[in-house]
N, C-alpha and C. Protein backbone atom coordinates (compact mmCIF):
# COMPACT_ATOMS: atom_id res chain seq x y z
N MET A 1 228.94 170.05 125.36
CA MET A 1 229.02 171.42 124.58
C MET A 1 229.76 171.16 123.27
N VAL A 2 229.04 171.37 122.16
CA VAL A 2 229.41 171.21 120.95
C VAL A 2 230.71 171.88 120.51
N LEU A 3 230.90 173.04 120.95
CA LEU A 3 232.05 173.91 120.54
C LEU A 3 233.22 173.67 121.50
N TYR A 4 233.24 172.81 122.36
CA TYR A 4 234.26 172.72 123.40
C TYR A 4 235.65 172.55 122.73
N GLY A 5 235.71 171.53 121.84
CA GLY A 5 236.94 171.22 121.13
C GLY A 5 237.53 172.35 120.44
N THR A 6 236.64 173.09 119.65
CA THR A 6 237.06 174.19 118.86
C THR A 6 237.63 175.39 119.77
N ILE A 7 236.96 175.65 120.91
CA ILE A 7 237.26 176.66 121.73
C ILE A 7 238.63 176.32 122.36
N VAL A 8 238.86 175.05 122.76
CA VAL A 8 240.17 174.73 123.30
C VAL A 8 241.31 175.00 122.32
N ASN A 9 240.95 174.47 121.02
CA ASN A 9 241.85 174.72 119.91
C ASN A 9 242.33 176.11 119.76
N GLY A 10 241.33 177.06 119.85
CA GLY A 10 241.49 178.51 119.62
C GLY A 10 242.36 178.98 120.81
N VAL A 11 242.07 178.57 122.15
CA VAL A 11 242.94 179.09 123.23
C VAL A 11 244.23 178.73 123.11
N LEU A 12 244.59 177.45 122.62
CA LEU A 12 245.96 176.97 122.61
C LEU A 12 246.73 177.69 121.50
N ILE A 13 246.02 178.06 120.38
CA ILE A 13 246.75 178.86 119.39
C ILE A 13 247.28 180.15 120.02
N ILE A 14 246.26 180.86 120.70
CA ILE A 14 246.47 182.14 121.37
C ILE A 14 247.69 182.03 122.32
N ILE A 15 247.67 180.99 123.17
CA ILE A 15 248.70 180.82 124.08
C ILE A 15 250.08 180.68 123.38
N GLY A 16 250.02 179.75 122.33
CA GLY A 16 251.29 179.50 121.65
C GLY A 16 251.85 180.83 120.88
N SER A 17 250.84 181.60 120.38
CA SER A 17 251.24 182.73 119.77
C SER A 17 251.77 183.81 120.70
N LEU A 18 251.22 183.94 121.88
CA LEU A 18 251.77 184.90 122.90
C LEU A 18 253.04 184.45 123.33
N LEU A 19 253.32 183.21 123.70
CA LEU A 19 254.63 182.70 124.01
C LEU A 19 255.77 183.02 122.96
N GLY A 20 255.27 182.90 121.66
CA GLY A 20 256.14 183.07 120.54
C GLY A 20 256.78 184.47 120.50
N LEU A 21 255.93 185.50 120.99
CA LEU A 21 256.27 186.90 121.01
C LEU A 21 257.44 187.13 121.87
N PHE A 22 257.66 186.22 122.94
CA PHE A 22 258.86 186.35 123.78
C PHE A 22 260.20 185.79 123.23
N PHE A 23 259.97 185.05 122.14
CA PHE A 23 261.10 184.51 121.60
C PHE A 23 261.47 185.05 120.23
N THR A 24 261.18 186.27 119.98
CA THR A 24 261.42 186.92 118.68
C THR A 24 262.94 187.31 118.40
N ARG A 25 263.72 187.21 119.48
CA ARG A 25 265.15 187.64 119.36
C ARG A 25 266.06 186.38 119.03
N ILE A 26 265.27 185.28 118.70
CA ILE A 26 266.13 184.02 118.29
C ILE A 26 266.90 184.49 116.97
N PRO A 27 268.20 184.01 116.83
CA PRO A 27 268.93 184.28 115.64
C PRO A 27 268.21 183.83 114.37
N GLU A 28 268.39 184.58 113.30
CA GLU A 28 267.69 184.35 112.08
C GLU A 28 267.96 182.93 111.53
N ARG A 29 269.15 182.43 111.65
CA ARG A 29 269.53 181.11 111.15
C ARG A 29 268.75 180.00 111.84
N TYR A 30 268.44 180.21 113.26
CA TYR A 30 267.71 179.22 113.96
C TYR A 30 266.25 179.21 113.42
N LYS A 31 265.78 180.40 113.14
CA LYS A 31 264.41 180.47 112.73
C LYS A 31 264.23 179.75 111.37
N GLU A 32 265.20 180.05 110.56
CA GLU A 32 265.14 179.48 109.17
C GLU A 32 265.17 177.98 109.23
N THR A 33 266.16 177.42 110.02
CA THR A 33 266.26 176.00 110.08
C THR A 33 265.05 175.36 110.74
N VAL A 34 264.45 176.10 111.70
CA VAL A 34 263.28 175.61 112.49
C VAL A 34 262.11 175.56 111.33
N MET A 35 261.96 176.64 110.59
CA MET A 35 260.92 176.76 109.53
C MET A 35 261.11 175.52 108.50
N HIS A 36 262.27 175.30 108.17
CA HIS A 36 262.61 174.15 107.26
C HIS A 36 262.10 172.84 107.87
N GLY A 37 262.28 172.60 109.15
CA GLY A 37 261.85 171.50 109.85
C GLY A 37 260.33 171.43 109.75
N ILE A 38 259.75 172.57 110.01
CA ILE A 38 258.21 172.56 110.04
C ILE A 38 257.76 172.28 108.66
N GLY A 39 258.42 172.93 107.69
CA GLY A 39 258.08 172.61 106.37
C GLY A 39 258.12 171.08 105.86
N LEU A 40 259.20 170.37 106.44
CA LEU A 40 259.29 168.93 106.08
C LEU A 40 258.22 168.21 106.86
N ALA A 41 257.88 168.53 108.05
CA ALA A 41 256.80 167.92 108.87
C ALA A 41 255.54 168.09 108.15
N VAL A 42 255.18 169.36 107.79
CA VAL A 42 253.98 169.61 107.09
C VAL A 42 253.81 168.89 105.75
N LEU A 43 255.02 168.79 105.02
CA LEU A 43 255.18 167.89 103.77
C LEU A 43 254.70 166.61 104.02
N LEU A 44 255.27 165.97 105.10
CA LEU A 44 254.94 164.59 105.40
C LEU A 44 253.47 164.37 105.72
N ILE A 45 253.00 165.25 106.67
CA ILE A 45 251.46 165.14 107.03
C ILE A 45 250.71 165.18 105.84
N GLY A 46 250.92 166.26 104.97
CA GLY A 46 250.19 166.26 103.75
C GLY A 46 250.07 165.08 102.84
N LEU A 47 251.28 164.45 102.71
CA LEU A 47 251.55 163.23 101.86
C LEU A 47 250.65 162.14 102.45
N GLN A 48 250.78 161.95 103.78
CA GLN A 48 250.05 160.81 104.54
C GLN A 48 248.53 161.05 104.23
N MET A 49 248.07 162.19 104.37
CA MET A 49 246.72 162.44 104.14
C MET A 49 246.28 162.30 102.64
N ALA A 50 247.08 162.74 101.72
CA ALA A 50 246.76 162.64 100.40
C ALA A 50 246.71 161.10 99.93
N PHE A 51 247.61 160.17 100.43
CA PHE A 51 247.53 158.81 100.06
C PHE A 51 246.45 158.11 100.49
N SER A 52 245.52 158.84 101.41
CA SER A 52 244.39 158.09 101.86
C SER A 52 243.22 158.03 100.83
N THR A 53 243.33 158.75 99.70
CA THR A 53 242.25 158.65 98.78
C THR A 53 241.88 157.27 98.17
N GLU A 54 240.82 157.05 97.88
CA GLU A 54 240.19 155.81 97.31
C GLU A 54 239.73 156.15 95.84
N GLU A 55 239.52 157.49 95.53
CA GLU A 55 238.99 157.84 94.25
C GLU A 55 239.78 159.03 93.67
N ILE A 56 240.87 158.69 93.12
CA ILE A 56 241.93 159.78 92.70
C ILE A 56 241.28 160.80 91.69
N ILE A 57 240.40 160.31 90.85
CA ILE A 57 239.69 161.17 89.87
C ILE A 57 238.77 162.20 90.59
N VAL A 58 238.22 161.89 91.73
CA VAL A 58 237.44 162.88 92.55
C VAL A 58 238.43 163.97 92.99
N VAL A 59 239.58 163.58 93.56
CA VAL A 59 240.54 164.58 94.03
C VAL A 59 241.04 165.45 93.07
N LEU A 60 241.42 164.86 91.73
CA LEU A 60 241.84 165.62 90.63
C LEU A 60 240.88 166.58 90.15
N LEU A 61 239.62 166.20 90.04
CA LEU A 61 238.59 167.17 89.52
C LEU A 61 238.33 168.24 90.49
N ALA A 62 238.38 167.83 91.77
CA ALA A 62 238.00 168.82 92.88
C ALA A 62 239.22 169.99 92.77
N LEU A 63 240.44 169.54 92.58
CA LEU A 63 241.50 170.41 92.57
C LEU A 63 241.48 171.34 91.31
N LEU A 64 241.07 170.69 90.17
CA LEU A 64 240.97 171.52 88.88
C LEU A 64 239.86 172.56 89.08
N THR A 65 238.74 172.18 89.40
CA THR A 65 237.57 173.01 89.60
C THR A 65 237.84 174.11 90.62
N GLY A 66 238.34 173.66 91.80
CA GLY A 66 238.77 174.59 92.83
C GLY A 66 239.64 175.63 92.34
N ALA A 67 240.71 175.18 91.63
CA ALA A 67 241.74 176.17 91.11
C ALA A 67 241.09 177.26 90.16
N ILE A 68 240.23 176.81 89.36
CA ILE A 68 239.52 177.65 88.36
C ILE A 68 238.73 178.69 89.16
N ILE A 69 237.92 178.26 90.11
CA ILE A 69 237.11 179.10 90.97
C ILE A 69 238.03 180.14 91.71
N GLY A 70 238.98 179.65 92.29
CA GLY A 70 239.93 180.50 93.10
C GLY A 70 240.62 181.56 92.29
N GLU A 71 241.01 181.16 91.09
CA GLU A 71 241.73 182.20 90.06
C GLU A 71 240.70 183.12 89.71
N LEU A 72 239.40 182.68 89.39
CA LEU A 72 238.26 183.56 88.92
C LEU A 72 237.97 184.65 89.92
N ILE A 73 237.90 184.36 91.17
CA ILE A 73 237.55 185.29 92.27
C ILE A 73 238.79 185.85 92.96
N HIS A 74 239.98 185.45 92.54
CA HIS A 74 241.17 185.96 93.09
C HIS A 74 241.23 185.92 94.57
N LEU A 75 240.96 184.51 95.07
CA LEU A 75 240.85 184.28 96.44
C LEU A 75 242.01 184.63 97.19
N GLU A 76 243.24 184.26 96.75
CA GLU A 76 244.43 184.47 97.53
C GLU A 76 244.58 186.06 97.70
N GLU A 77 244.39 186.76 96.64
CA GLU A 77 244.59 188.14 96.75
C GLU A 77 243.54 188.76 97.70
N GLY A 78 242.46 188.20 97.91
CA GLY A 78 241.38 188.64 98.83
C GLY A 78 241.85 188.25 100.15
N LEU A 79 242.38 187.14 100.44
CA LEU A 79 242.99 186.72 101.81
C LEU A 79 244.06 187.61 102.20
N ASN A 80 244.98 187.94 101.24
CA ASN A 80 246.08 188.90 101.56
C ASN A 80 245.62 190.34 101.87
N ARG A 81 244.50 190.66 101.07
CA ARG A 81 243.91 192.05 101.44
C ARG A 81 243.33 192.03 102.78
N LEU A 82 242.57 191.05 103.15
CA LEU A 82 241.99 190.78 104.42
C LEU A 82 243.18 190.94 105.58
N GLY A 83 244.16 190.20 105.23
CA GLY A 83 245.33 190.22 106.16
C GLY A 83 245.86 191.71 106.40
N HIS A 84 246.02 192.27 105.34
CA HIS A 84 246.57 193.68 105.40
C HIS A 84 245.69 194.61 106.17
N TRP A 85 244.37 194.43 105.87
CA TRP A 85 243.31 195.15 106.46
C TRP A 85 243.27 195.05 108.08
N ILE A 86 243.30 193.72 108.43
CA ILE A 86 243.51 193.32 109.83
C ILE A 86 244.70 193.86 110.42
N GLY A 87 245.78 193.64 109.54
CA GLY A 87 247.11 194.19 110.12
C GLY A 87 247.17 195.62 110.34
N SER A 88 246.49 196.49 109.50
CA SER A 88 246.49 197.85 109.58
C SER A 88 245.78 198.34 110.97
N LYS A 89 245.00 197.44 111.52
CA LYS A 89 244.34 197.82 112.67
C LYS A 89 245.09 197.64 113.98
N PHE A 90 246.24 196.89 113.73
CA PHE A 90 247.15 196.60 114.94
C PHE A 90 248.49 197.01 114.83
N THR A 91 248.97 197.46 113.59
CA THR A 91 250.32 197.76 113.36
C THR A 91 250.57 199.15 112.58
N THR A 92 251.72 199.58 112.47
CA THR A 92 252.17 200.60 111.55
C THR A 92 252.16 200.18 110.17
N LYS A 93 252.23 201.05 109.19
CA LYS A 93 252.16 200.68 107.82
C LYS A 93 253.41 199.73 107.44
N ASN A 94 254.59 199.97 108.00
CA ASN A 94 255.76 199.19 107.67
C ASN A 94 255.64 197.84 108.18
N GLU A 95 254.87 197.69 109.24
CA GLU A 95 254.70 196.27 109.78
C GLU A 95 253.60 195.56 109.10
N ASN A 96 252.79 196.18 108.39
CA ASN A 96 251.60 195.52 107.90
C ASN A 96 251.69 194.24 107.03
N PHE A 97 252.73 194.26 106.21
CA PHE A 97 252.84 193.09 105.37
C PHE A 97 253.23 191.84 106.12
N SER A 98 254.14 191.95 107.24
CA SER A 98 254.47 190.94 108.08
C SER A 98 253.22 190.27 108.73
N VAL A 99 252.55 191.07 109.23
CA VAL A 99 251.12 190.69 109.95
C VAL A 99 250.25 189.98 108.93
N ALA A 100 250.16 190.37 107.93
CA ALA A 100 249.25 189.81 106.81
C ALA A 100 249.82 188.42 106.45
N GLN A 101 251.05 188.31 106.29
CA GLN A 101 251.77 187.13 105.87
C GLN A 101 251.53 186.01 107.06
N GLY A 102 251.72 186.46 108.23
CA GLY A 102 251.53 185.58 109.41
C GLY A 102 250.13 185.16 109.54
N PHE A 103 249.17 186.01 109.39
CA PHE A 103 247.82 185.68 109.44
C PHE A 103 247.37 184.66 108.26
N VAL A 104 247.76 184.87 107.02
CA VAL A 104 247.30 184.11 106.02
C VAL A 104 248.05 182.63 106.16
N THR A 105 249.36 182.66 106.47
CA THR A 105 250.06 181.45 106.42
C THR A 105 249.55 180.54 107.62
N ALA A 106 249.45 181.16 108.75
CA ALA A 106 248.96 180.36 109.86
C ALA A 106 247.52 179.89 109.71
N SER A 107 246.71 180.70 109.17
CA SER A 107 245.22 180.31 108.96
C SER A 107 245.20 179.09 108.03
N LEU A 108 246.12 179.03 106.96
CA LEU A 108 246.01 177.99 106.04
C LEU A 108 246.53 176.79 106.65
N ILE A 109 247.59 176.82 107.45
CA ILE A 109 248.16 175.66 108.22
C ILE A 109 247.08 175.12 109.13
N PHE A 110 246.43 175.90 109.90
CA PHE A 110 245.54 175.40 110.90
C PHE A 110 244.24 175.06 110.45
N VAL A 111 243.68 175.69 109.35
CA VAL A 111 242.37 175.38 108.83
C VAL A 111 242.25 174.27 107.94
N ILE A 112 243.22 174.12 106.98
CA ILE A 112 243.17 172.95 106.02
C ILE A 112 243.68 171.69 106.70
N GLY A 113 242.89 170.62 106.55
CA GLY A 113 243.56 169.24 107.13
C GLY A 113 242.44 168.54 107.73
N ALA A 114 242.80 167.16 107.63
CA ALA A 114 241.83 166.22 108.13
C ALA A 114 241.44 166.40 109.56
N MET A 115 242.35 166.80 110.46
CA MET A 115 242.01 166.94 111.87
C MET A 115 241.00 167.99 112.06
N ALA A 116 241.03 169.12 111.28
CA ALA A 116 240.10 170.18 111.45
C ALA A 116 238.69 169.68 111.12
N ILE A 117 238.68 168.97 109.95
CA ILE A 117 237.30 168.48 109.48
C ILE A 117 236.87 167.42 110.33
N ILE A 118 237.56 166.35 110.54
CA ILE A 118 237.19 165.14 111.16
C ILE A 118 236.91 165.44 112.72
N GLY A 119 237.86 166.35 113.28
CA GLY A 119 237.75 166.71 114.69
C GLY A 119 236.39 167.46 114.98
N ALA A 120 236.10 168.40 114.01
CA ALA A 120 234.78 169.05 114.13
C ALA A 120 233.52 168.25 113.95
N LEU A 121 233.75 167.26 113.02
CA LEU A 121 232.60 166.43 112.82
C LEU A 121 232.28 165.47 114.03
N ASP A 122 233.52 165.06 114.53
CA ASP A 122 233.30 164.18 115.79
C ASP A 122 232.70 165.00 117.00
N SER A 123 233.08 166.27 116.99
CA SER A 123 232.57 167.17 118.15
C SER A 123 231.06 167.26 117.89
N GLY A 124 230.49 167.50 116.70
CA GLY A 124 229.24 167.61 116.40
C GLY A 124 228.33 166.33 116.41
N LEU A 125 228.85 165.35 115.83
CA LEU A 125 228.19 163.98 115.68
C LEU A 125 228.20 163.28 116.94
N ARG A 126 229.32 163.08 117.58
CA ARG A 126 229.39 162.21 118.79
C ARG A 126 229.77 162.92 120.07
N GLY A 127 229.90 164.23 120.08
CA GLY A 127 230.37 164.99 121.28
C GLY A 127 231.83 164.50 121.73
N ASP A 128 232.60 163.99 120.77
CA ASP A 128 233.98 163.65 121.19
C ASP A 128 234.94 164.72 120.74
N HIS A 129 235.64 165.28 121.64
CA HIS A 129 236.57 166.50 121.31
C HIS A 129 238.02 166.08 121.28
N GLU A 130 238.35 164.88 121.40
CA GLU A 130 239.64 164.40 121.54
C GLU A 130 240.48 164.84 120.46
N ILE A 131 240.02 164.67 119.16
CA ILE A 131 240.92 164.99 117.93
C ILE A 131 241.15 166.56 117.94
N LEU A 132 240.22 167.39 118.32
CA LEU A 132 240.37 168.79 118.34
C LEU A 132 241.30 169.24 119.31
N VAL A 133 241.22 168.71 120.51
CA VAL A 133 242.06 169.07 121.67
C VAL A 133 243.50 168.59 121.27
N THR A 134 243.67 167.38 120.64
CA THR A 134 245.05 167.02 120.10
C THR A 134 245.52 167.97 119.03
N LYS A 135 244.77 168.32 118.23
CA LYS A 135 245.04 169.30 117.11
C LYS A 135 245.42 170.67 117.77
N GLY A 136 244.78 171.04 118.79
CA GLY A 136 244.96 172.34 119.48
C GLY A 136 246.51 172.34 120.12
N ILE A 137 246.88 171.12 120.67
CA ILE A 137 248.18 171.09 121.17
C ILE A 137 249.18 171.26 120.12
N MET A 138 249.04 170.54 118.96
CA MET A 138 250.03 170.71 117.86
C MET A 138 250.03 172.12 117.37
N ASP A 139 248.73 172.64 117.25
CA ASP A 139 248.69 174.10 116.70
C ASP A 139 249.25 175.16 117.50
N GLY A 140 249.29 174.88 118.91
CA GLY A 140 249.80 175.74 119.85
C GLY A 140 251.33 175.80 119.70
N PHE A 141 252.05 174.56 119.48
CA PHE A 141 253.49 174.60 119.29
C PHE A 141 253.87 175.17 117.96
N VAL A 142 253.13 174.87 116.85
CA VAL A 142 253.32 175.44 115.50
C VAL A 142 253.11 177.03 115.56
N ALA A 143 252.08 177.43 116.32
CA ALA A 143 251.82 178.89 116.40
C ALA A 143 253.01 179.64 117.16
N LEU A 144 253.61 179.01 118.15
CA LEU A 144 254.74 179.54 118.84
C LEU A 144 255.88 179.69 117.97
N VAL A 145 256.23 178.81 117.16
CA VAL A 145 257.35 178.76 116.26
C VAL A 145 257.08 179.81 115.18
N LEU A 146 255.98 179.76 114.45
CA LEU A 146 255.46 180.71 113.47
C LEU A 146 255.61 182.08 113.83
N THR A 147 255.27 182.43 115.11
CA THR A 147 255.22 183.70 115.66
C THR A 147 256.67 184.28 115.68
N THR A 148 257.45 183.40 116.15
CA THR A 148 258.83 183.98 116.29
C THR A 148 259.46 184.30 114.92
N THR A 149 258.85 183.82 113.74
CA THR A 149 259.28 184.12 112.58
C THR A 149 258.46 185.07 111.72
N LEU A 150 257.14 184.95 111.85
CA LEU A 150 256.29 185.75 110.94
C LEU A 150 255.55 186.81 111.70
N GLY A 151 255.81 186.77 113.12
CA GLY A 151 255.22 187.89 113.84
C GLY A 151 253.80 187.76 114.51
N ALA A 152 253.20 188.90 114.99
CA ALA A 152 252.00 188.79 115.73
C ALA A 152 250.80 188.36 114.93
N GLY A 153 250.90 188.58 113.56
CA GLY A 153 249.82 188.17 112.66
C GLY A 153 249.26 186.73 112.87
N VAL A 154 250.09 185.86 113.45
CA VAL A 154 249.70 184.54 113.58
C VAL A 154 248.63 184.34 114.59
N ILE A 155 248.57 185.13 115.61
CA ILE A 155 247.56 185.04 116.59
C ILE A 155 246.15 185.34 116.06
N LEU A 156 246.13 186.12 114.95
CA LEU A 156 244.76 186.54 114.38
C LEU A 156 244.13 185.24 113.65
N SER A 157 244.98 184.16 113.36
CA SER A 157 244.46 183.09 112.57
C SER A 157 243.47 182.33 113.47
N VAL A 158 243.45 182.73 114.80
CA VAL A 158 242.38 181.92 115.68
C VAL A 158 240.95 182.33 115.19
N VAL A 159 240.83 183.41 114.52
CA VAL A 159 239.41 183.82 114.16
C VAL A 159 238.88 182.83 113.09
N PRO A 160 239.61 182.62 111.79
CA PRO A 160 239.10 181.74 110.86
C PRO A 160 239.05 180.22 111.37
N VAL A 161 239.98 179.94 112.23
CA VAL A 161 240.02 178.47 112.87
C VAL A 161 238.71 178.25 113.65
N VAL A 162 238.31 179.20 114.53
CA VAL A 162 237.16 179.07 115.35
C VAL A 162 235.81 179.13 114.55
N LEU A 163 235.89 180.04 113.50
CA LEU A 163 234.61 180.05 112.70
C LEU A 163 234.53 178.89 111.81
N TYR A 164 235.55 178.46 111.29
CA TYR A 164 235.53 177.23 110.33
C TYR A 164 235.15 176.01 111.14
N GLN A 165 235.93 175.64 112.11
CA GLN A 165 235.67 174.44 112.92
C GLN A 165 234.32 174.50 113.66
N GLY A 166 234.05 175.73 114.22
CA GLY A 166 232.80 175.80 114.92
C GLY A 166 231.57 175.67 114.03
N SER A 167 231.67 176.08 112.71
CA SER A 167 230.62 175.99 111.67
C SER A 167 230.40 174.50 111.42
N ILE A 168 231.50 173.85 111.20
CA ILE A 168 231.35 172.42 110.82
C ILE A 168 230.80 171.60 111.97
N ALA A 169 231.22 171.82 113.14
CA ALA A 169 230.64 171.28 114.34
C ALA A 169 229.27 171.29 114.54
N LEU A 170 228.74 172.62 114.28
CA LEU A 170 227.33 172.88 114.39
C LEU A 170 226.65 172.23 113.26
N LEU A 171 227.06 172.35 112.07
CA LEU A 171 226.37 171.64 110.97
C LEU A 171 226.29 170.15 111.26
N ALA A 172 227.35 169.64 111.85
CA ALA A 172 227.46 168.11 111.96
C ALA A 172 226.33 167.63 112.89
N THR A 173 225.83 168.50 113.76
CA THR A 173 224.72 168.15 114.67
C THR A 173 223.44 167.71 113.80
N GLN A 174 223.50 168.40 112.63
CA GLN A 174 222.21 168.06 111.86
C GLN A 174 222.56 167.24 110.44
N ILE A 175 223.80 166.93 110.26
CA ILE A 175 224.25 166.44 108.95
C ILE A 175 223.64 165.10 108.77
N GLU A 176 223.57 164.13 109.79
CA GLU A 176 223.14 162.75 109.67
C GLU A 176 221.71 162.76 109.24
N ARG A 177 220.87 163.89 109.28
CA ARG A 177 219.53 163.92 108.70
C ARG A 177 219.59 163.92 107.27
N TRP A 178 220.63 164.47 106.64
CA TRP A 178 220.75 164.71 105.25
C TRP A 178 221.55 163.62 104.40
N LEU A 179 222.65 163.06 105.16
CA LEU A 179 223.65 162.26 104.36
C LEU A 179 223.61 160.83 105.08
N PRO A 180 223.58 159.78 104.19
CA PRO A 180 223.81 158.42 104.72
C PRO A 180 225.22 158.32 105.26
N GLU A 181 225.32 157.37 106.28
CA GLU A 181 226.66 157.24 107.04
C GLU A 181 227.74 156.80 106.06
N ALA A 182 227.37 155.92 105.16
CA ALA A 182 228.39 155.26 104.24
C ALA A 182 228.85 156.44 103.26
N PHE A 183 227.93 157.33 102.73
CA PHE A 183 228.46 158.49 101.95
C PHE A 183 229.33 159.47 102.81
N LEU A 184 228.87 159.68 103.93
CA LEU A 184 229.67 160.58 104.75
C LEU A 184 231.05 160.03 105.00
N ASN A 185 231.15 158.81 105.29
CA ASN A 185 232.50 158.22 105.43
C ASN A 185 233.45 158.37 104.30
N GLY A 186 232.93 158.01 103.21
CA GLY A 186 233.61 158.14 101.94
C GLY A 186 233.98 159.66 101.65
N LEU A 187 233.17 160.47 101.87
CA LEU A 187 233.32 161.86 101.62
C LEU A 187 234.51 162.48 102.46
N ILE A 188 234.47 161.99 103.69
CA ILE A 188 235.70 162.41 104.64
C ILE A 188 236.86 161.97 104.08
N VAL A 189 236.89 160.73 103.56
CA VAL A 189 238.31 160.30 102.92
C VAL A 189 238.78 161.13 101.98
N GLU A 190 237.87 161.46 100.83
CA GLU A 190 238.29 162.44 99.81
C GLU A 190 238.61 163.82 100.24
N LEU A 191 237.95 164.33 101.25
CA LEU A 191 238.11 165.67 101.84
C LEU A 191 239.58 165.59 102.47
N THR A 192 239.91 164.57 103.07
CA THR A 192 241.18 164.41 103.75
C THR A 192 242.21 164.44 102.68
N ALA A 193 242.10 163.70 101.68
CA ALA A 193 243.08 163.58 100.46
C ALA A 193 243.35 164.96 99.78
N VAL A 194 242.16 165.68 99.52
CA VAL A 194 242.33 167.05 98.95
C VAL A 194 243.04 168.06 99.84
N GLY A 195 242.59 168.00 101.21
CA GLY A 195 243.31 168.78 102.20
C GLY A 195 244.81 168.43 102.29
N GLY A 196 245.09 167.11 102.22
CA GLY A 196 246.44 166.86 102.28
C GLY A 196 247.36 167.31 101.22
N LEU A 197 246.71 167.32 99.92
CA LEU A 197 247.47 167.91 98.83
C LEU A 197 247.77 169.43 98.97
N LEU A 198 246.81 170.09 99.53
CA LEU A 198 246.84 171.51 99.89
C LEU A 198 247.99 171.67 100.88
N ILE A 199 247.96 170.84 101.92
CA ILE A 199 249.01 170.93 102.92
C ILE A 199 250.51 170.65 102.28
N VAL A 200 250.51 169.70 101.38
CA VAL A 200 251.80 169.54 100.64
C VAL A 200 252.34 170.85 100.03
N ALA A 201 251.25 171.51 99.38
CA ALA A 201 251.64 172.79 98.74
C ALA A 201 252.18 173.74 99.75
N ILE A 202 251.59 173.78 100.94
CA ILE A 202 252.14 174.66 102.00
C ILE A 202 253.45 174.30 102.45
N GLY A 203 253.84 173.07 102.49
CA GLY A 203 255.06 172.53 102.84
C GLY A 203 256.14 173.00 101.88
N LEU A 204 255.80 172.83 100.64
CA LEU A 204 256.75 173.35 99.60
C LEU A 204 257.01 174.68 99.47
N ASN A 205 255.92 175.52 99.82
CA ASN A 205 256.12 176.97 100.00
C ASN A 205 257.01 177.29 101.18
N LEU A 206 256.84 176.56 102.30
CA LEU A 206 257.58 176.91 103.46
C LEU A 206 259.04 176.59 103.23
N LEU A 207 259.22 175.49 102.46
CA LEU A 207 260.71 175.24 102.12
C LEU A 207 261.21 176.03 100.99
N LYS A 208 260.44 176.87 100.48
CA LYS A 208 260.86 177.74 99.39
C LYS A 208 261.26 177.07 98.13
N ILE A 209 260.68 175.82 97.90
CA ILE A 209 260.95 175.13 96.69
C ILE A 209 260.19 175.68 95.63
N THR A 210 259.01 176.20 95.71
CA THR A 210 258.19 176.76 94.74
C THR A 210 257.16 177.72 95.54
N GLN A 211 256.37 178.49 94.67
CA GLN A 211 255.38 179.48 95.39
C GLN A 211 254.00 179.17 94.71
N ILE A 212 253.36 178.07 95.38
CA ILE A 212 252.02 177.77 94.89
C ILE A 212 251.09 178.70 95.58
N ARG A 213 250.09 179.12 94.71
CA ARG A 213 249.00 179.94 95.26
C ARG A 213 247.87 179.17 95.96
N VAL A 214 248.30 178.71 97.20
CA VAL A 214 247.41 177.78 97.91
C VAL A 214 246.07 178.28 98.18
N GLY A 215 245.94 179.59 98.36
CA GLY A 215 244.68 180.36 98.60
C GLY A 215 243.77 180.08 97.55
N ASN A 216 244.23 180.04 96.34
CA ASN A 216 243.35 179.99 95.05
C ASN A 216 242.90 178.52 94.98
N LEU A 217 243.45 177.59 95.72
CA LEU A 217 243.09 176.17 95.55
C LEU A 217 242.08 175.83 96.62
N LEU A 218 241.83 176.67 97.60
CA LEU A 218 240.97 176.47 98.73
C LEU A 218 239.45 175.98 98.32
N PRO A 219 238.86 176.64 97.24
CA PRO A 219 237.60 176.17 96.85
C PRO A 219 237.46 174.72 96.57
N SER A 220 238.58 174.04 96.34
CA SER A 220 238.53 172.53 96.13
C SER A 220 238.05 171.85 97.31
N ILE A 221 238.26 172.45 98.53
CA ILE A 221 237.60 171.79 99.75
C ILE A 221 236.05 171.74 99.62
N ALA A 222 235.45 172.71 98.84
CA ALA A 222 233.97 172.71 98.75
C ALA A 222 233.47 171.91 97.50
N THR A 223 234.34 172.10 96.39
CA THR A 223 233.95 171.36 95.26
C THR A 223 234.06 169.78 95.34
N VAL A 224 234.99 169.34 96.10
CA VAL A 224 235.07 167.88 96.30
C VAL A 224 233.79 167.29 96.84
N VAL A 225 232.88 168.00 97.57
CA VAL A 225 231.64 167.53 98.03
C VAL A 225 230.73 167.26 96.94
N LEU A 226 230.68 168.32 96.00
CA LEU A 226 229.71 168.13 94.92
C LEU A 226 230.19 167.04 93.97
N ILE A 227 231.52 167.13 93.60
CA ILE A 227 232.03 166.15 92.78
C ILE A 227 231.92 164.66 93.28
N TYR A 228 232.11 164.52 94.54
CA TYR A 228 231.96 163.20 95.15
C TYR A 228 230.55 162.69 95.01
N TYR A 229 229.65 163.58 95.30
CA TYR A 229 228.17 163.17 95.20
C TYR A 229 227.87 162.84 93.79
N ILE A 230 228.36 163.60 92.80
CA ILE A 230 227.93 163.17 91.45
C ILE A 230 228.54 161.91 90.95
N TYR A 231 229.81 161.64 91.51
CA TYR A 231 230.59 160.50 91.18
C TYR A 231 229.89 159.32 91.73
N GLN A 232 229.30 159.46 92.95
CA GLN A 232 228.51 158.41 93.59
C GLN A 232 227.24 158.05 92.84
N LEU A 233 226.65 159.07 92.09
CA LEU A 233 225.43 158.84 91.38
C LEU A 233 225.73 157.91 90.18
N PHE A 234 226.87 157.93 89.53
CA PHE A 234 227.28 157.17 88.42
C PHE A 234 228.04 155.89 88.75
């Protein structure tokens, strides 16, 4: 079953989020310190992924073009509006912002990254779901902690996770017809690096060191494909 890994990942996020709802009375200082710990771990994961690049110019151009596109279309504002709209369906007006924040933050953490891309590709190309199941276990623990701090909005992140990873897995069943294996392997490396830098940005935001508009950088995940293709032509 091509979508097995994606479904398991989604279920574990739901379980982690539901468990997190029972721990909302944790003292604020504990939550803050735990979030700092998560931020540091996210920062480390992002740096490890970013250092995998073999073509730094591809990563740079992907981020630049992605940032321009994201700012032009106000992608982060759109994500926040989507979060507010979804939140309004489940909460009162005063709770709406918290739900939106939880939805957007969790979605970015769970969707961006090498494991989401490579795991979904493995599911589609080889029917191997080990990476996505492992990611699901990690996401479940992160969802639990995020829910205690950011609230019920975290559980809604399962929707973009399932849609994103499921789409990649289904596409991967046909991708070998279009792309040579060598090109695909190289592309995954650069996708991993770009995703890693976005995760670094998330880590910095969680640590409150800065406030990077990560949502407006998301198009770089798509532009890296085109830029890497052009780069290989020359």
